[in-house]
């Protein structure tokens, strides 16, 4: 059961990373529909993409070392954080 939860978390994390890469042109592009994101946003965005790839791996590592609960928590952290971020209203 724990392996299945980690596999589903990995699929969700990789789908989130693909979505973030797919929409990055609308945030950092040079076109008229771009948000023209700055360097701090770029660093945070890059860290988010890296977290989507690295944390499921860390989840499997922690499961192998006998800390399955911490592994599941780490693997599901990026999707939960994305839901929280999208729930924050825009400041305008």
C-alpha atoms as a PDB file:
ATOM      1  CA  UNK A   1       0.000   0.000   0.000  1.00  0.00           C
ATOM      2  CA  UNK A   2       2.831   2.397   0.819  1.00  0.00           C
ATOM      3  CA  UNK A   3       4.498   1.688  -2.524  1.00  0.00           C
ATOM      4  CA  UNK A   4       1.231   2.451  -4.338  1.00  0.00           C
ATOM      5  CA  UNK A   5       0.883   5.781  -2.510  1.00  0.00           C
ATOM      6  CA  UNK A   6       4.459   6.694  -3.415  1.00  0.00           C
ATOM      7  CA  UNK A   7       3.951   5.701  -7.058  1.00  0.00           C
ATOM      8  CA  UNK A   8       0.796   7.820  -7.320  1.00  0.00           C
ATOM      9  CA  UNK A   9       2.634  10.723  -5.669  1.00  0.00           C
ATOM     10  CA  UNK A  10       5.461  10.341  -8.182  1.00  0.00           C
ATOM     11  CA  UNK A  11       3.035  10.420 -11.109  1.00  0.00           C
ATOM     12  CA  UNK A  12       1.307  13.515  -9.711  1.00  0.00           C
ATOM     13  CA  UNK A  13       4.656  15.229  -9.039  1.00  0.00           C
ATOM     14  CA  UNK A  14       5.957  14.549 -12.543  1.00  0.00           C
ATOM     15  CA  UNK A  15       2.690  15.770 -14.070  1.00  0.00           C
ATOM     16  CA  UNK A  16       2.983  18.943 -11.985  1.00  0.00           C
ATOM     17  CA  UNK A  17       6.581  19.433 -13.140  1.00  0.00           C
ATOM     18  CA  UNK A  18       5.500  18.994 -16.777  1.00  0.00           C
ATOM     19  CA  UNK A  19       2.704  21.526 -16.283  1.00  0.00           C
ATOM     20  CA  UNK A  20       5.104  24.009 -14.694  1.00  0.00           C
ATOM     21  CA  UNK A  21       7.537  23.635 -17.577  1.00  0.00           C
ATOM     22  CA  UNK A  22       4.687  23.947 -20.073  1.00  0.00           C
ATOM     23  CA  UNK A  23       3.365  27.231 -18.705  1.00  0.00           C
ATOM     24  CA  UNK A  24       6.752  28.771 -17.951  1.00  0.00           C
ATOM     25  CA  UNK A  25       6.671  30.661 -21.256  1.00  0.00           C
ATOM     26  CA  UNK A  26       3.637  32.587 -20.058  1.00  0.00           C
ATOM     27  CA  UNK A  27       5.543  33.657 -16.955  1.00  0.00           C
ATOM     28  CA  UNK A  28       9.063  34.240 -18.236  1.00  0.00           C
ATOM     29  CA  UNK A  29       8.576  34.733 -21.984  1.00  0.00           C
ATOM     30  CA  UNK A  30       9.027  37.931 -23.935  1.00  0.00           C
ATOM     31  CA  UNK A  31       5.642  38.027 -25.645  1.00  0.00           C
ATOM     32  CA  UNK A  32       2.737  40.355 -24.942  1.00  0.00           C
ATOM     33  CA  UNK A  33       0.928  37.746 -22.826  1.00  0.00           C
ATOM     34  CA  UNK A  34       3.923  37.108 -20.618  1.00  0.00           C
ATOM     35  CA  UNK A  35       4.136  38.205 -16.996  1.00  0.00           C
ATOM     36  CA  UNK A  36       7.835  39.060 -17.499  1.00  0.00           C
ATOM     37  CA  UNK A  37       8.842  37.339 -14.253  1.00  0.00           C
ATOM     38  CA  UNK A  38      11.984  38.518 -12.511  1.00  0.00           C
ATOM     39  CA  UNK A  39      15.029  36.619 -11.350  1.00  0.00           C
ATOM     40  CA  UNK A  40      13.663  35.882  -7.866  1.00  0.00           C
ATOM     41  CA  UNK A  41      10.537  34.357  -9.383  1.00  0.00           C
ATOM     42  CA  UNK A  42      12.712  32.361 -11.761  1.00  0.00           C
ATOM     43  CA  UNK A  43      14.743  30.974  -8.841  1.00  0.00           C
ATOM     44  CA  UNK A  44      11.606  30.030  -6.906  1.00  0.00           C
ATOM     45  CA  UNK A  45      10.016  28.498 -10.007  1.00  0.00           C
ATOM     46  CA  UNK A  46      13.149  26.475 -10.721  1.00  0.00           C
ATOM     47  CA  UNK A  47      13.256  25.279  -7.130  1.00  0.00           C
ATOM     48  CA  UNK A  48       9.648  24.174  -7.463  1.00  0.00           C
ATOM     49  CA  UNK A  49      10.370  22.149 -10.593  1.00  0.00           C
ATOM     50  CA  UNK A  50      13.420  20.559  -8.956  1.00  0.00           C
ATOM     51  CA  UNK A  51      11.345  19.753  -5.857  1.00  0.00           C
ATOM     52  CA  UNK A  52       8.727  18.038  -8.030  1.00  0.00           C
ATOM     53  CA  UNK A  53      11.409  15.694  -9.333  1.00  0.00           C
ATOM     54  CA  UNK A  54      13.605  15.254  -6.246  1.00  0.00           C
ATOM     55  CA  UNK A  55      11.048  14.795  -3.465  1.00  0.00           C
ATOM     56  CA  UNK A  56       9.445  11.595  -4.832  1.00  0.00           C
ATOM     57  CA  UNK A  57      12.933  10.103  -5.054  1.00  0.00           C
ATOM     58  CA  UNK A  58      13.543  11.156  -1.456  1.00  0.00           C
ATOM     59  CA  UNK A  59      10.224   9.540  -0.533  1.00  0.00           C
ATOM     60  CA  UNK A  60      11.365   6.182  -1.894  1.00  0.00           C
ATOM     61  CA  UNK A  61      14.725   6.556  -0.141  1.00  0.00           C
ATOM     62  CA  UNK A  62      13.048   7.250   3.202  1.00  0.00           C
ATOM     63  CA  UNK A  63      10.696   4.298   2.659  1.00  0.00           C
ATOM     64  CA  UNK A  64      13.685   2.040   2.063  1.00  0.00           C
ATOM     65  CA  UNK A  65      15.277   3.272   5.303  1.00  0.00           C
ATOM     66  CA  UNK A  66      12.142   2.479   7.304  1.00  0.00           C
ATOM     67  CA  UNK A  67      10.636   5.974   7.530  1.00  0.00           C
ATOM     68  CA  UNK A  68       7.679   5.472   5.218  1.00  0.00           C
ATOM     69  CA  UNK A  69       5.539   8.192   6.807  1.00  0.00           C
ATOM     70  CA  UNK A  70       8.163  10.859   6.217  1.00  0.00           C
ATOM     71  CA  UNK A  71       8.669   9.570   2.674  1.00  0.00           C
ATOM     72  CA  UNK A  72       4.960   9.878   1.888  1.00  0.00           C
ATOM     73  CA  UNK A  73       4.866  13.351   3.411  1.00  0.00           C
ATOM     74  CA  UNK A  74       7.797  14.514   1.286  1.00  0.00           C
ATOM     75  CA  UNK A  75       6.427  12.957  -1.898  1.00  0.00           C
ATOM     76  CA  UNK A  76       3.050  14.689  -1.523  1.00  0.00           C
ATOM     77  CA  UNK A  77       4.521  18.057  -0.489  1.00  0.00           C
ATOM     78  CA  UNK A  78       4.716  19.655  -4.007  1.00  0.00           C
ATOM     79  CA  UNK A  79       1.084  18.931  -5.004  1.00  0.00           C
ATOM     80  CA  UNK A  80      -0.215  20.156  -1.643  1.00  0.00           C
ATOM     81  CA  UNK A  81       1.946  23.283  -1.876  1.00  0.00           C
ATOM     82  CA  UNK A  82       0.650  23.900  -5.414  1.00  0.00           C
ATOM     83  CA  UNK A  83      -2.943  23.664  -4.196  1.00  0.00           C
ATOM     84  CA  UNK A  84      -2.213  26.133  -1.398  1.00  0.00           C
ATOM     85  CA  UNK A  85      -0.481  28.552  -3.783  1.00  0.00           C
ATOM     86  CA  UNK A  86      -3.350  28.468  -6.266  1.00  0.00           C
ATOM     87  CA  UNK A  87      -5.843  29.114  -3.453  1.00  0.00           C
ATOM     88  CA  UNK A  88      -4.162  32.426  -2.575  1.00  0.00           C
ATOM     89  CA  UNK A  89      -6.042  35.246  -4.311  1.00  0.00           C
ATOM     90  CA  UNK A  90      -4.260  37.605  -6.673  1.00  0.00           C
ATOM     91  CA  UNK A  91      -3.216  40.916  -5.110  1.00  0.00           C
ATOM     92  CA  UNK A  92      -5.018  43.067  -7.680  1.00  0.00           C
END
